[in-house]
Amino acid sequence: MEMKKHGEIVEVLSDELMIRNTSDALDVMGSVYYDGYDKMIVHQKNLAPEFFDLKTGIAGDILQKFSTYRVRLVIVGDFDNAEKKSLRDFIYESNQGRQINFVSTLDEALNRLG
């Protein structure tokens, strides 16, 4: 895992799947928070596909941890063609707030967190 710093924001980079469950998310969040950051960017490819299947509850559990610890999170990926209406609705609702957002580009992520 590599962390690229953008001022007060950290972008977590990896060629591997990093977050498969809540424990993985807490490990990543802990590393970022330990380095003094409370605004984080993660890429869709670094999240387990099960994260985006809302029936598993993984997304809700993980995002609840980010909210509890007040770490803002933006997930960068291609969400325009989300297959399930429940996921599209979840993304829409998340994007109405400031805590957790889903965007398509790094520039959008930096703007959301900036």
C-alpha atoms as a PDB file:
ATOM      1  CA  MET A   1       0.000   0.000   0.000  1.00  0.00           C
ATOM      2  CA  GLU A   2       1.280   3.412  -0.963  1.00  0.00           C
ATOM      3  CA  MET A   3      -0.050   6.737   0.255  1.00  0.00           C
ATOM      4  CA  LYS A   4       0.102   9.717  -2.074  1.00  0.00           C
ATOM      5  CA  LYS A   5      -0.366  13.001  -0.270  1.00  0.00           C
ATOM      6  CA  HIS A   6      -2.422  15.838  -1.756  1.00  0.00           C
ATOM      7  CA  GLY A   7      -2.060  18.516   0.902  1.00  0.00           C
ATOM      8  CA  GLU A   8      -4.417  17.508   3.731  1.00  0.00           C
ATOM      9  CA  ILE A   9      -5.777  14.563   1.721  1.00  0.00           C
ATOM     10  CA  VAL A  10      -4.225  11.135   1.269  1.00  0.00           C
ATOM     11  CA  GLU A  11      -4.833   8.878  -1.727  1.00  0.00           C
ATOM     12  CA  VAL A  12      -4.347   5.209  -0.957  1.00  0.00           C
ATOM     13  CA  LEU A  13      -2.780   3.386  -3.897  1.00  0.00           C
ATOM     14  CA  SER A  14      -2.276  -0.302  -4.534  1.00  0.00           C
ATOM     15  CA  ASP A  15      -2.330  -2.706  -7.440  1.00  0.00           C
ATOM     16  CA  GLU A  16      -4.015  -5.232  -5.175  1.00  0.00           C
ATOM     17  CA  LEU A  17      -7.367  -5.669  -3.524  1.00  0.00           C
ATOM     18  CA  MET A  18      -6.880  -3.950  -0.164  1.00  0.00           C
ATOM     19  CA  ILE A  19     -10.273  -3.880   1.482  1.00  0.00           C
ATOM     20  CA  ARG A  20     -12.182  -7.147   1.653  1.00  0.00           C
ATOM     21  CA  ASN A  21     -13.918  -6.634   4.991  1.00  0.00           C
ATOM     22  CA  THR A  22     -14.340  -4.266   7.931  1.00  0.00           C
ATOM     23  CA  SER A  23     -11.065  -5.344   9.513  1.00  0.00           C
ATOM     24  CA  ASP A  24      -9.123  -4.455   6.345  1.00  0.00           C
ATOM     25  CA  ALA A  25     -10.866  -1.082   6.191  1.00  0.00           C
ATOM     26  CA  LEU A  26      -9.976  -0.356   9.817  1.00  0.00           C
ATOM     27  CA  ASP A  27      -6.330  -1.263   9.130  1.00  0.00           C
ATOM     28  CA  VAL A  28      -6.154   1.137   6.164  1.00  0.00           C
ATOM     29  CA  MET A  29      -8.013   3.864   8.023  1.00  0.00           C
ATOM     30  CA  GLY A  30      -5.748   3.401  11.040  1.00  0.00           C
ATOM     31  CA  SER A  31      -2.611   3.781   8.920  1.00  0.00           C
ATOM     32  CA  VAL A  32      -3.949   6.926   7.305  1.00  0.00           C
ATOM     33  CA  TYR A  33      -5.178   8.392  10.578  1.00  0.00           C
ATOM     34  CA  TYR A  34      -1.885   7.559  12.341  1.00  0.00           C
ATOM     35  CA  ASP A  35      -0.113   9.657   9.687  1.00  0.00           C
ATOM     36  CA  GLY A  36      -2.376  12.588  10.603  1.00  0.00           C
ATOM     37  CA  TYR A  37      -4.973  12.429   7.827  1.00  0.00           C
ATOM     38  CA  ASP A  38      -8.744  12.398   8.139  1.00  0.00           C
ATOM     39  CA  LYS A  39      -9.557  12.717   4.425  1.00  0.00           C
ATOM     40  CA  MET A  40      -8.950   9.666   2.291  1.00  0.00           C
ATOM     41  CA  ILE A  41      -9.326   8.603  -1.333  1.00  0.00           C
ATOM     42  CA  VAL A  42      -9.626   4.922  -2.262  1.00  0.00           C
ATOM     43  CA  HIS A  43     -10.101   3.472  -5.733  1.00  0.00           C
ATOM     44  CA  GLN A  44     -12.926   1.104  -6.631  1.00  0.00           C
ATOM     45  CA  LYS A  45     -10.457  -1.564  -7.788  1.00  0.00           C
ATOM     46  CA  ASN A  46      -9.075  -1.767  -4.237  1.00  0.00           C
ATOM     47  CA  LEU A  47     -12.445  -2.739  -2.752  1.00  0.00           C
ATOM     48  CA  ALA A  48     -13.788  -6.285  -2.861  1.00  0.00           C
ATOM     49  CA  PRO A  49     -16.643  -6.734  -5.352  1.00  0.00           C
ATOM     50  CA  GLU A  50     -18.799  -7.807  -2.392  1.00  0.00           C
ATOM     51  CA  PHE A  51     -18.558  -4.233  -1.092  1.00  0.00           C
ATOM     52  CA  PHE A  52     -20.823  -3.172  -3.963  1.00  0.00           C
ATOM     53  CA  ASP A  53     -23.353  -5.952  -3.304  1.00  0.00           C
ATOM     54  CA  LEU A  54     -25.344  -4.203  -0.602  1.00  0.00           C
ATOM     55  CA  LYS A  55     -26.986  -7.468   0.524  1.00  0.00           C
ATOM     56  CA  THR A  56     -23.653  -8.516   2.074  1.00  0.00           C
ATOM     57  CA  GLY A  57     -23.709  -5.568   4.474  1.00  0.00           C
ATOM     58  CA  ILE A  58     -19.970  -4.983   3.962  1.00  0.00           C
ATOM     59  CA  ALA A  59     -20.412  -1.479   2.549  1.00  0.00           C
ATOM     60  CA  GLY A  60     -22.673  -0.413   5.389  1.00  0.00           C
ATOM     61  CA  ASP A  61     -20.326  -1.804   8.041  1.00  0.00           C
ATOM     62  CA  ILE A  62     -17.243  -0.199   6.503  1.00  0.00           C
ATOM     63  CA  LEU A  63     -18.832   3.167   5.855  1.00  0.00           C
ATOM     64  CA  GLN A  64     -20.237   3.225   9.388  1.00  0.00           C
ATOM     65  CA  LYS A  65     -16.670   2.901  10.723  1.00  0.00           C
ATOM     66  CA  PHE A  66     -15.531   5.858   8.620  1.00  0.00           C
ATOM     67  CA  SER A  67     -18.444   7.911   9.922  1.00  0.00           C
ATOM     68  CA  THR A  68     -17.842   6.873  13.534  1.00  0.00           C
ATOM     69  CA  TYR A  69     -14.165   7.836  13.374  1.00  0.00           C
ATOM     70  CA  ARG A  70     -14.936  10.977  11.338  1.00  0.00           C
ATOM     71  CA  VAL A  71     -12.642  10.071   8.475  1.00  0.00           C
ATOM     72  CA  ARG A  72     -14.015  11.424   5.218  1.00  0.00           C
ATOM     73  CA  LEU A  73     -13.828   8.959   2.348  1.00  0.00           C
ATOM     74  CA  VAL A  74     -14.159   9.344  -1.385  1.00  0.00           C
ATOM     75  CA  ILE A  75     -14.229   6.261  -3.586  1.00  0.00           C
ATOM     76  CA  VAL A  76     -13.093   6.827  -7.173  1.00  0.00           C
ATOM     77  CA  GLY A  77     -14.485   4.526  -9.838  1.00  0.00           C
ATOM     78  CA  ASP A  78     -16.997   3.996 -12.613  1.00  0.00           C
ATOM     79  CA  PHE A  79     -20.390   4.049 -10.930  1.00  0.00           C
ATOM     80  CA  ASP A  80     -22.474   5.453 -13.785  1.00  0.00           C
ATOM     81  CA  ASN A  81     -23.554   2.002 -14.895  1.00  0.00           C
ATOM     82  CA  ALA A  82     -24.202   0.412 -11.511  1.00  0.00           C
ATOM     83  CA  GLU A  83     -26.383  -2.594 -12.255  1.00  0.00           C
ATOM     84  CA  LYS A  84     -28.625  -2.567  -9.216  1.00  0.00           C
ATOM     85  CA  LYS A  85     -31.009   0.227  -8.358  1.00  0.00           C
ATOM     86  CA  SER A  86     -30.249  -0.239  -4.664  1.00  0.00           C
ATOM     87  CA  LEU A  87     -26.556   0.523  -5.317  1.00  0.00           C
ATOM     88  CA  ARG A  88     -27.390   3.534  -7.497  1.00  0.00           C
ATOM     89  CA  ASP A  89     -29.681   4.831  -4.721  1.00  0.00           C
ATOM     90  CA  PHE A  90     -27.014   4.186  -2.078  1.00  0.00           C
ATOM     91  CA  ILE A  91     -24.416   6.127  -4.093  1.00  0.00           C
ATOM     92  CA  TYR A  92     -26.874   8.964  -4.720  1.00  0.00           C
ATOM     93  CA  GLU A  93     -27.728   9.242  -1.012  1.00  0.00           C
ATOM     94  CA  SER A  94     -24.058   9.082   0.026  1.00  0.00           C
ATOM     95  CA  ASN A  95     -23.192  11.841  -2.413  1.00  0.00           C
ATOM     96  CA  GLN A  96     -25.791  14.143  -0.832  1.00  0.00           C
ATOM     97  CA  GLY A  97     -23.620  14.304   2.283  1.00  0.00           C
ATOM     98  CA  ARG A  98     -19.982  15.058   2.946  1.00  0.00           C
ATOM     99  CA  GLN A  99     -18.771  11.983   4.842  1.00  0.00           C
ATOM    100  CA  ILE A 100     -18.727   9.327   2.107  1.00  0.00           C
ATOM    101  CA  ASN A 101     -18.763  10.115  -1.604  1.00  0.00           C
ATOM    102  CA  PHE A 102     -18.504   8.197  -4.861  1.00  0.00           C
ATOM    103  CA  VAL A 103     -16.955  10.009  -7.851  1.00  0.00           C
ATOM    104  CA  SER A 104     -15.485   9.107 -11.227  1.00  0.00           C
ATOM    105  CA  THR A 105     -12.172  10.994 -11.209  1.00  0.00           C
ATOM    106  CA  LEU A 106      -9.343  11.905  -8.875  1.00  0.00           C
ATOM    107  CA  ASP A 107      -9.969  15.601  -9.557  1.00  0.00           C
ATOM    108  CA  GLU A 108     -13.579  15.225  -8.405  1.00  0.00           C
ATOM    109  CA  ALA A 109     -12.378  13.437  -5.281  1.00  0.00           C
ATOM    110  CA  LEU A 110      -9.904  16.201  -4.450  1.00  0.00           C
ATOM    111  CA  ASN A 111     -12.635  18.823  -4.989  1.00  0.00           C
ATOM    112  CA  ARG A 112     -15.059  16.976  -2.708  1.00  0.00           C
ATOM    113  CA  LEU A 113     -12.495  16.731   0.065  1.00  0.00           C
ATOM    114  CA  GLY A 114     -10.837  20.118  -0.477  1.00  0.00           C
END
